[in-house]
Amino acid sequence: MRINGKNKYEKENAPAGSGSAGAYLISESPSQRIYEAVKKIPRGCVATYGQVAEAAGNRKMARAVGNALHKNPDPVSIPCHRVVNAKGELADRYAYGGAEKQVEILMSEGVEVAEGRVDLRRFQWKEFAGNREKRD
């Protein structure tokens, strides 16, 4: 339903005084929430796709996290190399230089990678798991 050129959702959810519901909706897209969650992962830590999905508002969208990170518009400020699977395994096809590049970047940040895997007990960022500690 459109009201004054905006659909009902846009009108009800636009921030007061924003003047542009469109900008609000873009910032509230699942991909934007994913990118904002990934930006919070500090150097020297990793998070799982599931953790990022939960931080972005829906723990069931772990696959969507992978899809969004594969299309990452700014890998310099959105550190997608810090996201691994639930077993600590790196992406098979890291989109920004291949698996070797992901290993190189993680190791330069102090994250140890052995046989394509990160030890989550040591390097997983605990804040996404509800714990305020950075690491064990």
C-alpha atoms as a PDB file:
ATOM      1  CA  MET A   1       0.000   0.000   0.000  1.00  0.00           C
ATOM      2  CA  ARG A   2       1.423   3.366  -1.002  1.00  0.00           C
ATOM      3  CA  ILE A   3       0.748   6.543   0.973  1.00  0.00           C
ATOM      4  CA  ASN A   4       2.065   9.835  -0.431  1.00  0.00           C
ATOM      5  CA  GLY A   5       4.502   7.982  -2.689  1.00  0.00           C
ATOM      6  CA  LYS A   6       5.839   5.721   0.092  1.00  0.00           C
ATOM      7  CA  ASN A   7       4.767   2.262   1.051  1.00  0.00           C
ATOM      8  CA  LYS A   8       3.317   1.717   4.511  1.00  0.00           C
ATOM      9  CA  TYR A   9       6.574   0.220   5.857  1.00  0.00           C
ATOM     10  CA  GLU A  10       8.662   3.172   4.672  1.00  0.00           C
ATOM     11  CA  LYS A  11       6.256   5.690   6.195  1.00  0.00           C
ATOM     12  CA  GLU A  12       5.978   3.910   9.572  1.00  0.00           C
ATOM     13  CA  ASN A  13       9.680   3.129   9.941  1.00  0.00           C
ATOM     14  CA  ALA A  14      11.324   6.292   8.646  1.00  0.00           C
ATOM     15  CA  PRO A  15      13.298   8.047  11.378  1.00  0.00           C
ATOM     16  CA  ALA A  16      11.718  11.277  12.556  1.00  0.00           C
ATOM     17  CA  GLY A  17      12.996  14.249  10.602  1.00  0.00           C
ATOM     18  CA  SER A  18      15.040  12.097   8.240  1.00  0.00           C
ATOM     19  CA  GLY A  19      13.284  13.372   5.137  1.00  0.00           C
ATOM     20  CA  SER A  20      14.308  10.206   3.321  1.00  0.00           C
ATOM     21  CA  ALA A  21      12.867   6.849   4.219  1.00  0.00           C
ATOM     22  CA  GLY A  22      14.821   5.302   1.350  1.00  0.00           C
ATOM     23  CA  ALA A  23      18.157   5.941   3.049  1.00  0.00           C
ATOM     24  CA  TYR A  24      16.806   4.402   6.236  1.00  0.00           C
ATOM     25  CA  LEU A  25      15.664   1.259   4.445  1.00  0.00           C
ATOM     26  CA  ILE A  26      19.000   0.815   2.680  1.00  0.00           C
ATOM     27  CA  SER A  27      20.852   1.022   5.987  1.00  0.00           C
ATOM     28  CA  GLU A  28      18.482  -1.549   7.420  1.00  0.00           C
ATOM     29  CA  SER A  29      18.990  -4.099   4.640  1.00  0.00           C
ATOM     30  CA  PRO A  30      20.287  -7.534   5.674  1.00  0.00           C
ATOM     31  CA  SER A  31      23.530  -6.952   3.758  1.00  0.00           C
ATOM     32  CA  GLN A  32      24.152  -3.629   5.517  1.00  0.00           C
ATOM     33  CA  ARG A  33      23.520  -5.239   8.917  1.00  0.00           C
ATOM     34  CA  ILE A  34      25.972  -8.012   7.979  1.00  0.00           C
ATOM     35  CA  TYR A  35      28.626  -5.503   6.913  1.00  0.00           C
ATOM     36  CA  GLU A  36      28.180  -3.500  10.127  1.00  0.00           C
ATOM     37  CA  ALA A  37      28.552  -6.677  12.219  1.00  0.00           C
ATOM     38  CA  VAL A  38      31.715  -7.728  10.369  1.00  0.00           C
ATOM     39  CA  LYS A  39      33.262  -4.270  10.895  1.00  0.00           C
ATOM     40  CA  LYS A  40      33.137  -4.927  14.659  1.00  0.00           C
ATOM     41  CA  ILE A  41      35.395  -8.013  14.538  1.00  0.00           C
ATOM     42  CA  PRO A  42      38.758  -6.800  15.864  1.00  0.00           C
ATOM     43  CA  ARG A  43      42.195  -7.569  14.433  1.00  0.00           C
ATOM     44  CA  GLY A  44      43.525 -10.835  15.788  1.00  0.00           C
ATOM     45  CA  CYS A  45      40.079 -12.416  16.052  1.00  0.00           C
ATOM     46  CA  VAL A  46      37.622 -14.269  13.830  1.00  0.00           C
ATOM     47  CA  ALA A  47      33.873 -14.881  13.968  1.00  0.00           C
ATOM     48  CA  THR A  48      31.755 -17.586  12.364  1.00  0.00           C
ATOM     49  CA  TYR A  49      29.128 -17.043   9.691  1.00  0.00           C
ATOM     50  CA  GLY A  50      26.507 -17.993  12.280  1.00  0.00           C
ATOM     51  CA  GLN A  51      27.803 -15.442  14.782  1.00  0.00           C
ATOM     52  CA  VAL A  52      27.724 -12.693  12.172  1.00  0.00           C
ATOM     53  CA  ALA A  53      24.188 -13.716  11.171  1.00  0.00           C
ATOM     54  CA  GLU A  54      23.059 -13.533  14.799  1.00  0.00           C
ATOM     55  CA  ALA A  55      24.732 -10.159  15.290  1.00  0.00           C
ATOM     56  CA  ALA A  56      22.975  -8.955  12.123  1.00  0.00           C
ATOM     57  CA  GLY A  57      19.612  -9.927  13.575  1.00  0.00           C
ATOM     58  CA  ASN A  58      18.831 -13.429  12.316  1.00  0.00           C
ATOM     59  CA  ARG A  59      20.951 -16.416  13.288  1.00  0.00           C
ATOM     60  CA  LYS A  60      19.321 -18.471  10.524  1.00  0.00           C
ATOM     61  CA  MET A  61      20.851 -16.403   7.722  1.00  0.00           C
ATOM     62  CA  ALA A  62      24.420 -17.748   7.878  1.00  0.00           C
ATOM     63  CA  ARG A  63      24.330 -18.536   4.143  1.00  0.00           C
ATOM     64  CA  ALA A  64      23.253 -14.975   3.443  1.00  0.00           C
ATOM     65  CA  VAL A  65      26.359 -13.820   5.339  1.00  0.00           C
ATOM     66  CA  GLY A  66      28.540 -15.794   2.924  1.00  0.00           C
ATOM     67  CA  ASN A  67      26.713 -14.372  -0.073  1.00  0.00           C
ATOM     68  CA  ALA A  68      26.963 -10.793   1.192  1.00  0.00           C
ATOM     69  CA  LEU A  69      30.666 -11.119   2.000  1.00  0.00           C
ATOM     70  CA  HIS A  70      31.367 -12.565  -1.430  1.00  0.00           C
ATOM     71  CA  LYS A  71      29.952  -9.291  -2.811  1.00  0.00           C
ATOM     72  CA  ASN A  72      31.659  -7.112  -0.185  1.00  0.00           C
ATOM     73  CA  PRO A  73      31.768  -3.570  -1.644  1.00  0.00           C
ATOM     74  CA  ASP A  74      34.723  -2.471   0.519  1.00  0.00           C
ATOM     75  CA  PRO A  75      37.017  -5.282   1.747  1.00  0.00           C
ATOM     76  CA  VAL A  76      39.421  -2.741   3.260  1.00  0.00           C
ATOM     77  CA  SER A  77      36.907  -1.466   5.829  1.00  0.00           C
ATOM     78  CA  ILE A  78      34.670  -4.571   5.937  1.00  0.00           C
ATOM     79  CA  PRO A  79      37.162  -7.285   6.995  1.00  0.00           C
ATOM     80  CA  CYS A  80      35.466 -10.331   5.503  1.00  0.00           C
ATOM     81  CA  HIS A  81      38.713 -12.310   5.864  1.00  0.00           C
ATOM     82  CA  ARG A  82      37.898 -12.534   9.605  1.00  0.00           C
ATOM     83  CA  VAL A  83      34.816 -14.696   9.012  1.00  0.00           C
ATOM     84  CA  VAL A  84      35.171 -18.490   9.077  1.00  0.00           C
ATOM     85  CA  ASN A  85      32.816 -21.453   9.234  1.00  0.00           C
ATOM     86  CA  ALA A  86      31.645 -23.123  12.459  1.00  0.00           C
ATOM     87  CA  LYS A  87      34.663 -25.460  12.411  1.00  0.00           C
ATOM     88  CA  GLY A  88      37.100 -22.559  12.023  1.00  0.00           C
ATOM     89  CA  GLU A  89      37.743 -23.422   8.378  1.00  0.00           C
ATOM     90  CA  LEU A  90      38.557 -20.670   5.902  1.00  0.00           C
ATOM     91  CA  ALA A  91      36.491 -19.951   2.810  1.00  0.00           C
ATOM     92  CA  ASP A  92      37.164 -22.362  -0.052  1.00  0.00           C
ATOM     93  CA  ARG A  93      37.082 -19.471  -2.511  1.00  0.00           C
ATOM     94  CA  TYR A  94      38.023 -16.278  -0.720  1.00  0.00           C
ATOM     95  CA  ALA A  95      36.806 -13.630  -3.160  1.00  0.00           C
ATOM     96  CA  TYR A  96      39.675 -11.175  -2.686  1.00  0.00           C
ATOM     97  CA  GLY A  97      42.793 -13.069  -3.714  1.00  0.00           C
ATOM     98  CA  GLY A  98      42.054 -16.709  -2.939  1.00  0.00           C
ATOM     99  CA  ALA A  99      42.542 -18.853   0.150  1.00  0.00           C
ATOM    100  CA  GLU A 100      46.264 -18.107   0.323  1.00  0.00           C
ATOM    101  CA  LYS A 101      45.530 -14.377   0.561  1.00  0.00           C
ATOM    102  CA  GLN A 102      43.050 -14.947   3.397  1.00  0.00           C
ATOM    103  CA  VAL A 103      45.685 -16.959   5.277  1.00  0.00           C
ATOM    104  CA  GLU A 104      48.268 -14.233   4.662  1.00  0.00           C
ATOM    105  CA  ILE A 105      46.004 -11.462   5.974  1.00  0.00           C
ATOM    106  CA  LEU A 106      44.883 -13.407   9.049  1.00  0.00           C
ATOM    107  CA  MET A 107      48.448 -14.350   9.951  1.00  0.00           C
ATOM    108  CA  SER A 108      49.567 -10.725   9.543  1.00  0.00           C
ATOM    109  CA  GLU A 109      46.944  -9.874  12.188  1.00  0.00           C
ATOM    110  CA  GLY A 110      48.258 -12.521  14.589  1.00  0.00           C
ATOM    111  CA  VAL A 111      45.698 -15.246  13.859  1.00  0.00           C
ATOM    112  CA  GLU A 112      47.327 -18.646  13.496  1.00  0.00           C
ATOM    113  CA  VAL A 113      46.092 -20.756  10.586  1.00  0.00           C
ATOM    114  CA  ALA A 114      46.998 -24.436  10.307  1.00  0.00           C
ATOM    115  CA  GLU A 115      45.809 -26.608   7.425  1.00  0.00           C
ATOM    116  CA  GLY A 116      43.186 -24.054   6.408  1.00  0.00           C
ATOM    117  CA  ARG A 117      41.709 -23.813   9.890  1.00  0.00           C
ATOM    118  CA  VAL A 118      41.718 -21.348  12.799  1.00  0.00           C
ATOM    119  CA  ASP A 119      41.539 -22.600  16.399  1.00  0.00           C
ATOM    120  CA  LEU A 120      38.263 -21.039  17.527  1.00  0.00           C
ATOM    121  CA  ARG A 121      39.063 -21.687  21.198  1.00  0.00           C
ATOM    122  CA  ARG A 122      41.958 -19.233  20.840  1.00  0.00           C
ATOM    123  CA  PHE A 123      40.913 -16.745  18.164  1.00  0.00           C
ATOM    124  CA  GLN A 124      37.105 -16.615  18.097  1.00  0.00           C
ATOM    125  CA  TRP A 125      35.764 -13.230  19.108  1.00  0.00           C
ATOM    126  CA  LYS A 126      33.617 -13.944  22.132  1.00  0.00           C
ATOM    127  CA  GLU A 127      31.515 -10.754  22.024  1.00  0.00           C
ATOM    128  CA  PHE A 128      29.355 -12.209  19.266  1.00  0.00           C
ATOM    129  CA  ALA A 129      28.768 -15.224  21.514  1.00  0.00           C
ATOM    130  CA  GLY A 130      27.350 -12.974  24.232  1.00  0.00           C
ATOM    131  CA  ASN A 131      30.594 -12.814  26.211  1.00  0.00           C
ATOM    132  CA  ARG A 132      32.226  -9.388  26.569  1.00  0.00           C
ATOM    133  CA  GLU A 133      35.753 -10.848  26.480  1.00  0.00           C
ATOM    134  CA  LYS A 134      37.797 -10.506  23.298  1.00  0.00           C
ATOM    135  CA  ARG A 135      39.436 -13.925  23.598  1.00  0.00           C
ATOM    136  CA  ASP A 136      39.985 -16.699  26.150  1.00  0.00           C
END
